[in-house]
């Protein structure tokens, strides 16, 4: 069902992320890269509701977390991989 959705619908602008003391563009860019990364991990036949929950959950978990600025990108993608896989396991 992934073909019924578009990853662009989940992306953030620097206006969407809130106040990050001048780092809003970096936070939005990192978050969008993580969303694209997660999108690629999702199975094509996954239902739209589950995709929505997983992708939106990334922001819910990382909102206000300085890791978006301080962590290495590889650490963040490792977290996203674990988050997506555990979310998919919960759905099964």
PDB file of N, CA and C in Angstrom:
ATOM      1  N   UNK A   1       0.803  -1.192   0.000  1.00  0.00           N
ATOM      2  CA  UNK A   1       0.000   0.000   0.000  1.00  0.00           C
ATOM      3  C   UNK A   1       0.853   1.267   0.000  1.00  0.00           C
ATOM      4  N   UNK A   2       2.151   1.086   0.124  1.00  0.00           N
ATOM      5  CA  UNK A   2       3.051   2.244   0.171  1.00  0.00           C
ATOM      6  C   UNK A   2       2.911   3.113  -1.069  1.00  0.00           C
ATOM      7  N   UNK A   3       2.512   2.500  -2.166  1.00  0.00           N
ATOM      8  CA  UNK A   3       2.360   3.266  -3.409  1.00  0.00           C
ATOM      9  C   UNK A   3       1.178   4.238  -3.360  1.00  0.00           C
ATOM     10  N   UNK A   4       0.325   4.117  -2.352  1.00  0.00           N
ATOM     11  CA  UNK A   4      -0.790   5.048  -2.192  1.00  0.00           C
ATOM     12  C   UNK A   4      -0.383   6.317  -1.440  1.00  0.00           C
ATOM     13  N   UNK A   5       0.790   6.289  -0.851  1.00  0.00           N
ATOM     14  CA  UNK A   5       1.297   7.415  -0.081  1.00  0.00           C
ATOM     15  C   UNK A   5       2.551   7.973  -0.752  1.00  0.00           C
ATOM     16  N   UNK A   6       2.937   9.168  -0.337  1.00  0.00           N
ATOM     17  CA  UNK A   6       4.171   9.776  -0.827  1.00  0.00           C
ATOM     18  C   UNK A   6       4.989  10.252   0.367  1.00  0.00           C
ATOM     19  N   UNK A   7       6.256   9.944   0.336  1.00  0.00           N
ATOM     20  CA  UNK A   7       7.134  10.340   1.437  1.00  0.00           C
ATOM     21  C   UNK A   7       7.143  11.856   1.615  1.00  0.00           C
ATOM     22  N   UNK A   8       6.953  12.598   0.551  1.00  0.00           N
ATOM     23  CA  UNK A   8       6.962  14.058   0.633  1.00  0.00           C
ATOM     24  C   UNK A   8       5.887  14.598   1.582  1.00  0.00           C
ATOM     25  N   UNK A   9       4.809  13.846   1.747  1.00  0.00           N
ATOM     26  CA  UNK A   9       3.736  14.277   2.646  1.00  0.00           C
ATOM     27  C   UNK A   9       4.165  14.283   4.111  1.00  0.00           C
ATOM     28  N   UNK A  10       5.270  13.607   4.420  1.00  0.00           N
ATOM     29  CA  UNK A  10       5.725  13.488   5.804  1.00  0.00           C
ATOM     30  C   UNK A  10       6.916  14.386   6.130  1.00  0.00           C
ATOM     31  N   UNK A  11       7.443  15.076   5.143  1.00  0.00           N
ATOM     32  CA  UNK A  11       8.649  15.860   5.344  1.00  0.00           C
ATOM     33  C   UNK A  11       8.361  17.181   6.054  1.00  0.00           C
ATOM     34  N   UNK A  12       9.385  17.703   6.710  1.00  0.00           N
ATOM     35  CA  UNK A  12       9.283  18.910   7.527  1.00  0.00           C
ATOM     36  C   UNK A  12      10.055  20.060   6.881  1.00  0.00           C
ATOM     37  N   UNK A  13       9.551  21.264   7.097  1.00  0.00           N
ATOM     38  CA  UNK A  13      10.323  22.460   6.759  1.00  0.00           C
ATOM     39  C   UNK A  13      10.904  22.990   8.074  1.00  0.00           C
ATOM     40  N   UNK A  14      11.766  23.959   7.973  1.00  0.00           N
ATOM     41  CA  UNK A  14      12.344  24.522   9.197  1.00  0.00           C
ATOM     42  C   UNK A  14      11.289  25.239  10.043  1.00  0.00           C
ATOM     43  N   UNK A  15      10.163  25.583   9.441  1.00  0.00           N
ATOM     44  CA  UNK A  15       9.074  26.203  10.193  1.00  0.00           C
ATOM     45  C   UNK A  15       8.309  25.182  11.044  1.00  0.00           C
ATOM     46  N   UNK A  16       8.362  23.913  10.647  1.00  0.00           N
ATOM     47  CA  UNK A  16       7.572  22.867  11.304  1.00  0.00           C
ATOM     48  C   UNK A  16       8.198  22.306  12.574  1.00  0.00           C
ATOM     49  N   UNK A  17       9.503  22.457  12.739  1.00  0.00           N
ATOM     50  CA  UNK A  17      10.191  21.758  13.820  1.00  0.00           C
ATOM     51  C   UNK A  17      10.226  22.508  15.143  1.00  0.00           C
ATOM     52  N   UNK A  18       9.794  23.749  15.139  1.00  0.00           N
ATOM     53  CA  UNK A  18       9.815  24.523  16.372  1.00  0.00           C
ATOM     54  C   UNK A  18      11.140  25.235  16.562  1.00  0.00           C
ATOM     55  N   UNK A  19      11.353  25.723  17.779  1.00  0.00           N
ATOM     56  CA  UNK A  19      12.544  26.514  18.094  1.00  0.00           C
ATOM     57  C   UNK A  19      13.718  25.611  18.455  1.00  0.00           C
ATOM     58  N   UNK A  20      14.764  25.713  17.677  1.00  0.00           N
ATOM     59  CA  UNK A  20      16.007  24.976  17.928  1.00  0.00           C
ATOM     60  C   UNK A  20      17.177  25.955  17.991  1.00  0.00           C
ATOM     61  N   UNK A  21      16.914  27.138  18.483  1.00  0.00           N
ATOM     62  CA  UNK A  21      17.929  28.159  18.695  1.00  0.00           C
ATOM     63  C   UNK A  21      18.807  28.393  17.464  1.00  0.00           C
ATOM     64  N   UNK A  22      18.157  28.591  16.326  1.00  0.00           N
ATOM     65  CA  UNK A  22      18.867  28.881  15.092  1.00  0.00           C
ATOM     66  C   UNK A  22      19.273  27.668  14.279  1.00  0.00           C
ATOM     67  N   UNK A  23      18.993  26.485  14.774  1.00  0.00           N
ATOM     68  CA  UNK A  23      19.383  25.241  14.092  1.00  0.00           C
ATOM     69  C   UNK A  23      18.189  24.545  13.433  1.00  0.00           C
ATOM     70  N   UNK A  24      17.114  25.284  13.226  1.00  0.00           N
ATOM     71  CA  UNK A  24      15.884  24.690  12.682  1.00  0.00           C
ATOM     72  C   UNK A  24      16.099  24.050  11.314  1.00  0.00           C
ATOM     73  N   UNK A  25      16.870  24.688  10.448  1.00  0.00           N
ATOM     74  CA  UNK A  25      17.105  24.121   9.113  1.00  0.00           C
ATOM     75  C   UNK A  25      17.863  22.799   9.204  1.00  0.00           C
ATOM     76  N   UNK A  26      18.851  22.737  10.076  1.00  0.00           N
ATOM     77  CA  UNK A  26      19.618  21.492  10.244  1.00  0.00           C
ATOM     78  C   UNK A  26      18.736  20.382  10.811  1.00  0.00           C
ATOM     79  N   UNK A  27      17.912  20.721  11.782  1.00  0.00           N
ATOM     80  CA  UNK A  27      17.009  19.730  12.381  1.00  0.00           C
ATOM     81  C   UNK A  27      16.037  19.205  11.325  1.00  0.00           C
ATOM     82  N   UNK A  28      15.454  20.096  10.545  1.00  0.00           N
ATOM     83  CA  UNK A  28      14.510  19.671   9.503  1.00  0.00           C
ATOM     84  C   UNK A  28      15.214  18.800   8.463  1.00  0.00           C
ATOM     85  N   UNK A  29      16.413  19.181   8.072  1.00  0.00           N
ATOM     86  CA  UNK A  29      17.159  18.392   7.082  1.00  0.00           C
ATOM     87  C   UNK A  29      17.480  16.999   7.611  1.00  0.00           C
ATOM     88  N   UNK A  30      17.970  16.926   8.833  1.00  0.00           N
ATOM     89  CA  UNK A  30      18.288  15.626   9.430  1.00  0.00           C
ATOM     90  C   UNK A  30      17.033  14.779   9.574  1.00  0.00           C
ATOM     91  N   UNK A  31      15.980  15.377  10.065  1.00  0.00           N
ATOM     92  CA  UNK A  31      14.719  14.654  10.232  1.00  0.00           C
ATOM     93  C   UNK A  31      14.212  14.130   8.891  1.00  0.00           C
ATOM     94  N   UNK A  32      14.277  14.935   7.855  1.00  0.00           N
ATOM     95  CA  UNK A  32      13.816  14.506   6.532  1.00  0.00           C
ATOM     96  C   UNK A  32      14.678  13.381   5.975  1.00  0.00           C
ATOM     97  N   UNK A  33      15.974  13.421   6.229  1.00  0.00           N
ATOM     98  CA  UNK A  33      16.840  12.322   5.801  1.00  0.00           C
ATOM     99  C   UNK A  33      16.475  11.038   6.528  1.00  0.00           C
ATOM    100  N   UNK A  34      16.153  11.149   7.810  1.00  0.00           N
ATOM    101  CA  UNK A  34      15.742   9.971   8.586  1.00  0.00           C
ATOM    102  C   UNK A  34      14.406   9.432   8.099  1.00  0.00           C
ATOM    103  N   UNK A  35      13.497  10.308   7.728  1.00  0.00           N
ATOM    104  CA  UNK A  35      12.203   9.871   7.205  1.00  0.00           C
ATOM    105  C   UNK A  35      12.387   9.143   5.879  1.00  0.00           C
ATOM    106  N   UNK A  36      13.231   9.669   5.009  1.00  0.00           N
ATOM    107  CA  UNK A  36      13.525   8.973   3.754  1.00  0.00           C
ATOM    108  C   UNK A  36      14.163   7.605   4.024  1.00  0.00           C
ATOM    109  N   UNK A  37      15.065   7.563   4.968  1.00  0.00           N
ATOM    110  CA  UNK A  37      15.727   6.312   5.333  1.00  0.00           C
ATOM    111  C   UNK A  37      14.701   5.294   5.832  1.00  0.00           C
ATOM    112  N   UNK A  38      13.815   5.727   6.727  1.00  0.00           N
ATOM    113  CA  UNK A  38      12.772   4.846   7.264  1.00  0.00           C
ATOM    114  C   UNK A  38      11.834   4.380   6.160  1.00  0.00           C
ATOM    115  N   UNK A  39      11.483   5.289   5.265  1.00  0.00           N
ATOM    116  CA  UNK A  39      10.577   4.975   4.161  1.00  0.00           C
ATOM    117  C   UNK A  39      11.124   3.798   3.343  1.00  0.00           C
ATOM    118  N   UNK A  40      12.410   3.836   3.079  1.00  0.00           N
ATOM    119  CA  UNK A  40      13.036   2.762   2.301  1.00  0.00           C
ATOM    120  C   UNK A  40      13.028   1.426   3.034  1.00  0.00           C
ATOM    121  N   UNK A  41      12.958   1.460   4.358  1.00  0.00           N
ATOM    122  CA  UNK A  41      12.926   0.224   5.145  1.00  0.00           C
ATOM    123  C   UNK A  41      11.541  -0.419   5.180  1.00  0.00           C
ATOM    124  N   UNK A  42      10.517   0.366   4.920  1.00  0.00           N
ATOM    125  CA  UNK A  42       9.139  -0.141   5.030  1.00  0.00           C
ATOM    126  C   UNK A  42       8.781  -1.036   3.848  1.00  0.00           C
ATOM    127  N   UNK A  43       8.133  -2.161   4.128  1.00  0.00           N
ATOM    128  CA  UNK A  43       7.694  -3.040   3.044  1.00  0.00           C
ATOM    129  C   UNK A  43       6.662  -2.352   2.148  1.00  0.00           C
ATOM    130  N   UNK A  44       6.698  -2.653   0.866  1.00  0.00           N
ATOM    131  CA  UNK A  44       5.771  -2.037  -0.089  1.00  0.00           C
ATOM    132  C   UNK A  44       4.318  -2.402   0.175  1.00  0.00           C
ATOM    133  N   UNK A  45       4.071  -3.558   0.785  1.00  0.00           N
ATOM    134  CA  UNK A  45       2.692  -4.004   1.011  1.00  0.00           C
ATOM    135  C   UNK A  45       2.152  -3.638   2.390  1.00  0.00           C
ATOM    136  N   UNK A  46       2.876  -2.818   3.125  1.00  0.00           N
ATOM    137  CA  UNK A  46       2.443  -2.396   4.453  1.00  0.00           C
ATOM    138  C   UNK A  46       1.237  -1.463   4.321  1.00  0.00           C
ATOM    139  N   UNK A  47       0.262  -1.621   5.221  1.00  0.00           N
ATOM    140  CA  UNK A  47      -0.945  -0.801   5.128  1.00  0.00           C
ATOM    141  C   UNK A  47      -0.643   0.654   5.472  1.00  0.00           C
ATOM    142  N   UNK A  48      -1.439   1.537   4.933  1.00  0.00           N
ATOM    143  CA  UNK A  48      -1.228   2.990   5.048  1.00  0.00           C
ATOM    144  C   UNK A  48      -1.252   3.467   6.498  1.00  0.00           C
ATOM    145  N   UNK A  49      -2.128   2.909   7.305  1.00  0.00           N
ATOM    146  CA  UNK A  49      -2.227   3.326   8.703  1.00  0.00           C
ATOM    147  C   UNK A  49      -0.939   3.026   9.461  1.00  0.00           C
ATOM    148  N   UNK A  50      -0.372   1.863   9.238  1.00  0.00           N
ATOM    149  CA  UNK A  50       0.872   1.492   9.907  1.00  0.00           C
ATOM    150  C   UNK A  50       2.024   2.357   9.426  1.00  0.00           C
ATOM    151  N   UNK A  51       2.088   2.619   8.138  1.00  0.00           N
ATOM    152  CA  UNK A  51       3.124   3.507   7.606  1.00  0.00           C
ATOM    153  C   UNK A  51       3.017   4.870   8.269  1.00  0.00           C
ATOM    154  N   UNK A  52       1.807   5.382   8.348  1.00  0.00           N
ATOM    155  CA  UNK A  52       1.567   6.687   8.962  1.00  0.00           C
ATOM    156  C   UNK A  52       2.031   6.699  10.421  1.00  0.00           C
ATOM    157  N   UNK A  53       1.694   5.667  11.166  1.00  0.00           N
ATOM    158  CA  UNK A  53       2.084   5.585  12.577  1.00  0.00           C
ATOM    159  C   UNK A  53       3.599   5.536  12.732  1.00  0.00           C
ATOM    160  N   UNK A  54       4.259   4.744  11.913  1.00  0.00           N
ATOM    161  CA  UNK A  54       5.706   4.591  12.026  1.00  0.00           C
ATOM    162  C   UNK A  54       6.427   5.881  11.650  1.00  0.00           C
ATOM    163  N   UNK A  55       6.077   6.446  10.522  1.00  0.00           N
ATOM    164  CA  UNK A  55       6.763   7.661  10.076  1.00  0.00           C
ATOM    165  C   UNK A  55       6.501   8.819  11.041  1.00  0.00           C
ATOM    166  N   UNK A  56       5.270   8.995  11.463  1.00  0.00           N
ATOM    167  CA  UNK A  56       4.971  10.065  12.423  1.00  0.00           C
ATOM    168  C   UNK A  56       5.624   9.798  13.776  1.00  0.00           C
ATOM    169  N   UNK A  57       5.799   8.548  14.115  1.00  0.00           N
ATOM    170  CA  UNK A  57       6.431   8.181  15.378  1.00  0.00           C
ATOM    171  C   UNK A  57       7.883   8.609  15.467  1.00  0.00           C
ATOM    172  N   UNK A  58       8.542   8.719  14.330  1.00  0.00           N
ATOM    173  CA  UNK A  58       9.941   9.168  14.340  1.00  0.00           C
ATOM    174  C   UNK A  58      10.021  10.557  14.954  1.00  0.00           C
ATOM    175  N   UNK A  59       9.189  11.471  14.484  1.00  0.00           N
ATOM    176  CA  UNK A  59       9.194  12.826  15.049  1.00  0.00           C
ATOM    177  C   UNK A  59       8.737  12.801  16.501  1.00  0.00           C
ATOM    178  N   UNK A  60       7.739  12.004  16.815  1.00  0.00           N
ATOM    179  CA  UNK A  60       7.247  11.944  18.191  1.00  0.00           C
ATOM    180  C   UNK A  60       8.360  11.525  19.155  1.00  0.00           C
ATOM    181  N   UNK A  61       9.206  10.598  18.729  1.00  0.00           N
ATOM    182  CA  UNK A  61      10.292  10.134  19.589  1.00  0.00           C
ATOM    183  C   UNK A  61      11.466  11.110  19.637  1.00  0.00           C
ATOM    184  N   UNK A  62      11.722  11.799  18.546  1.00  0.00           N
ATOM    185  CA  UNK A  62      12.902  12.655  18.478  1.00  0.00           C
ATOM    186  C   UNK A  62      12.622  14.134  18.750  1.00  0.00           C
ATOM    187  N   UNK A  63      11.366  14.480  18.872  1.00  0.00           N
ATOM    188  CA  UNK A  63      10.993  15.881  19.112  1.00  0.00           C
ATOM    189  C   UNK A  63      11.706  16.404  20.359  1.00  0.00           C
ATOM    190  N   UNK A  64      12.450  17.479  20.172  1.00  0.00           N
ATOM    191  CA  UNK A  64      13.148  18.089  21.292  1.00  0.00           C
ATOM    192  C   UNK A  64      14.416  17.371  21.721  1.00  0.00           C
ATOM    193  N   UNK A  65      14.759  16.281  21.054  1.00  0.00           N
ATOM    194  CA  UNK A  65      15.945  15.502  21.423  1.00  0.00           C
ATOM    195  C   UNK A  65      17.175  16.101  20.745  1.00  0.00           C
ATOM    196  N   UNK A  66      18.139  16.503  21.523  1.00  0.00           N
ATOM    197  CA  UNK A  66      19.351  17.121  20.985  1.00  0.00           C
ATOM    198  C   UNK A  66      20.158  16.155  20.128  1.00  0.00           C
ATOM    199  N   UNK A  67      19.806  14.890  20.147  1.00  0.00           N
ATOM    200  CA  UNK A  67      20.497  13.918  19.285  1.00  0.00           C
ATOM    201  C   UNK A  67      20.372  14.317  17.819  1.00  0.00           C
ATOM    202  N   UNK A  68      19.296  14.980  17.470  1.00  0.00           N
ATOM    203  CA  UNK A  68      19.143  15.422  16.084  1.00  0.00           C
ATOM    204  C   UNK A  68      20.273  16.347  15.660  1.00  0.00           C
ATOM    205  N   UNK A  69      20.884  17.016  16.602  1.00  0.00           N
ATOM    206  CA  UNK A  69      22.006  17.912  16.300  1.00  0.00           C
ATOM    207  C   UNK A  69      23.350  17.320  16.706  1.00  0.00           C
ATOM    208  N   UNK A  70      23.361  16.539  17.764  1.00  0.00           N
ATOM    209  CA  UNK A  70      24.625  16.102  18.350  1.00  0.00           C
ATOM    210  C   UNK A  70      25.105  14.733  17.894  1.00  0.00           C
ATOM    211  N   UNK A  71      24.198  13.844  17.573  1.00  0.00           N
ATOM    212  CA  UNK A  71      24.574  12.469  17.243  1.00  0.00           C
ATOM    213  C   UNK A  71      25.100  12.367  15.813  1.00  0.00           C
ATOM    214  N   UNK A  72      25.942  11.389  15.593  1.00  0.00           N
ATOM    215  CA  UNK A  72      26.394  11.070  14.238  1.00  0.00           C
ATOM    216  C   UNK A  72      25.186  10.528  13.463  1.00  0.00           C
ATOM    217  N   UNK A  73      25.168  10.809  12.162  1.00  0.00           N
ATOM    218  CA  UNK A  73      24.033  10.366  11.354  1.00  0.00           C
ATOM    219  C   UNK A  73      23.885   8.847  11.397  1.00  0.00           C
ATOM    220  N   UNK A  74      24.992   8.134  11.439  1.00  0.00           N
ATOM    221  CA  UNK A  74      24.943   6.669  11.508  1.00  0.00           C
ATOM    222  C   UNK A  74      24.247   6.190  12.780  1.00  0.00           C
ATOM    223  N   UNK A  75      24.467   6.893  13.876  1.00  0.00           N
ATOM    224  CA  UNK A  75      23.785   6.542  15.122  1.00  0.00           C
ATOM    225  C   UNK A  75      22.280   6.745  14.980  1.00  0.00           C
ATOM    226  N   UNK A  76      21.903   7.833  14.330  1.00  0.00           N
ATOM    227  CA  UNK A  76      20.481   8.102  14.126  1.00  0.00           C
ATOM    228  C   UNK A  76      19.840   7.071  13.205  1.00  0.00           C
ATOM    229  N   UNK A  77      20.540   6.689  12.140  1.00  0.00           N
ATOM    230  CA  UNK A  77      19.971   5.679  11.235  1.00  0.00           C
ATOM    231  C   UNK A  77      19.905   4.318  11.919  1.00  0.00           C
ATOM    232  N   UNK A  78      20.857   4.026  12.801  1.00  0.00           N
ATOM    233  CA  UNK A  78      20.776   2.782  13.580  1.00  0.00           C
ATOM    234  C   UNK A  78      19.531   2.792  14.455  1.00  0.00           C
ATOM    235  N   UNK A  79      19.248   3.943  15.080  1.00  0.00           N
ATOM    236  CA  UNK A  79      18.050   4.056  15.912  1.00  0.00           C
ATOM    237  C   UNK A  79      16.794   3.885  15.055  1.00  0.00           C
ATOM    238  N   UNK A  80      16.760   4.544  13.894  1.00  0.00           N
ATOM    239  CA  UNK A  80      15.595   4.451  13.012  1.00  0.00           C
ATOM    240  C   UNK A  80      15.386   3.008  12.565  1.00  0.00           C
ATOM    241  N   UNK A  81      16.458   2.321  12.217  1.00  0.00           N
ATOM    242  CA  UNK A  81      16.348   0.915  11.807  1.00  0.00           C
ATOM    243  C   UNK A  81      15.724   0.096  12.923  1.00  0.00           C
ATOM    244  N   UNK A  82      16.221   0.262  14.145  1.00  0.00           N
ATOM    245  CA  UNK A  82      15.681  -0.470  15.292  1.00  0.00           C
ATOM    246  C   UNK A  82      14.226  -0.093  15.542  1.00  0.00           C
ATOM    247  N   UNK A  83      13.918   1.191  15.455  1.00  0.00           N
ATOM    248  CA  UNK A  83      12.554   1.657  15.673  1.00  0.00           C
ATOM    249  C   UNK A  83      11.589   1.069  14.643  1.00  0.00           C
ATOM    250  N   UNK A  84      11.963   1.118  13.380  1.00  0.00           N
ATOM    251  CA  UNK A  84      11.096   0.587  12.315  1.00  0.00           C
ATOM    252  C   UNK A  84      10.900  -0.915  12.496  1.00  0.00           C
ATOM    253  N   UNK A  85      11.984  -1.649  12.735  1.00  0.00           N
ATOM    254  CA  UNK A  85      11.857  -3.100  12.888  1.00  0.00           C
ATOM    255  C   UNK A  85      11.021  -3.474  14.108  1.00  0.00           C
ATOM    256  N   UNK A  86      11.220  -2.777  15.213  1.00  0.00           N
ATOM    257  CA  UNK A  86      10.412  -3.116  16.396  1.00  0.00           C
ATOM    258  C   UNK A  86       8.952  -2.721  16.187  1.00  0.00           C
ATOM    259  N   UNK A  87       8.701  -1.626  15.491  1.00  0.00           N
ATOM    260  CA  UNK A  87       7.326  -1.232  15.183  1.00  0.00           C
ATOM    261  C   UNK A  87       6.652  -2.253  14.270  1.00  0.00           C
ATOM    262  N   UNK A  88       7.392  -2.739  13.290  1.00  0.00           N
ATOM    263  CA  UNK A  88       6.837  -3.757  12.400  1.00  0.00           C
ATOM    264  C   UNK A  88       6.578  -5.056  13.152  1.00  0.00           C
ATOM    265  N   UNK A  89       7.476  -5.424  14.067  1.00  0.00           N
ATOM    266  CA  UNK A  89       7.279  -6.633  14.871  1.00  0.00           C
ATOM    267  C   UNK A  89       6.024  -6.535  15.729  1.00  0.00           C
ATOM    268  N   UNK A  90       5.766  -5.346  16.272  1.00  0.00           N
ATOM    269  CA  UNK A  90       4.556  -5.133  17.078  1.00  0.00           C
ATOM    270  C   UNK A  90       3.293  -5.293  16.250  1.00  0.00           C
ATOM    271  N   UNK A  91       3.356  -4.951  14.966  1.00  0.00           N
ATOM    272  CA  UNK A  91       2.193  -5.027  14.073  1.00  0.00           C
ATOM    273  C   UNK A  91       1.877  -6.471  13.677  1.00  0.00           C
ATOM    274  N   UNK A  92       2.882  -7.304  13.734  1.00  0.00           N
ATOM    275  CA  UNK A  92       2.695  -8.693  13.287  1.00  0.00           C
ATOM    276  C   UNK A  92       2.059  -9.555  14.329  1.00  0.00           C
TER     277      UNK A  92
END
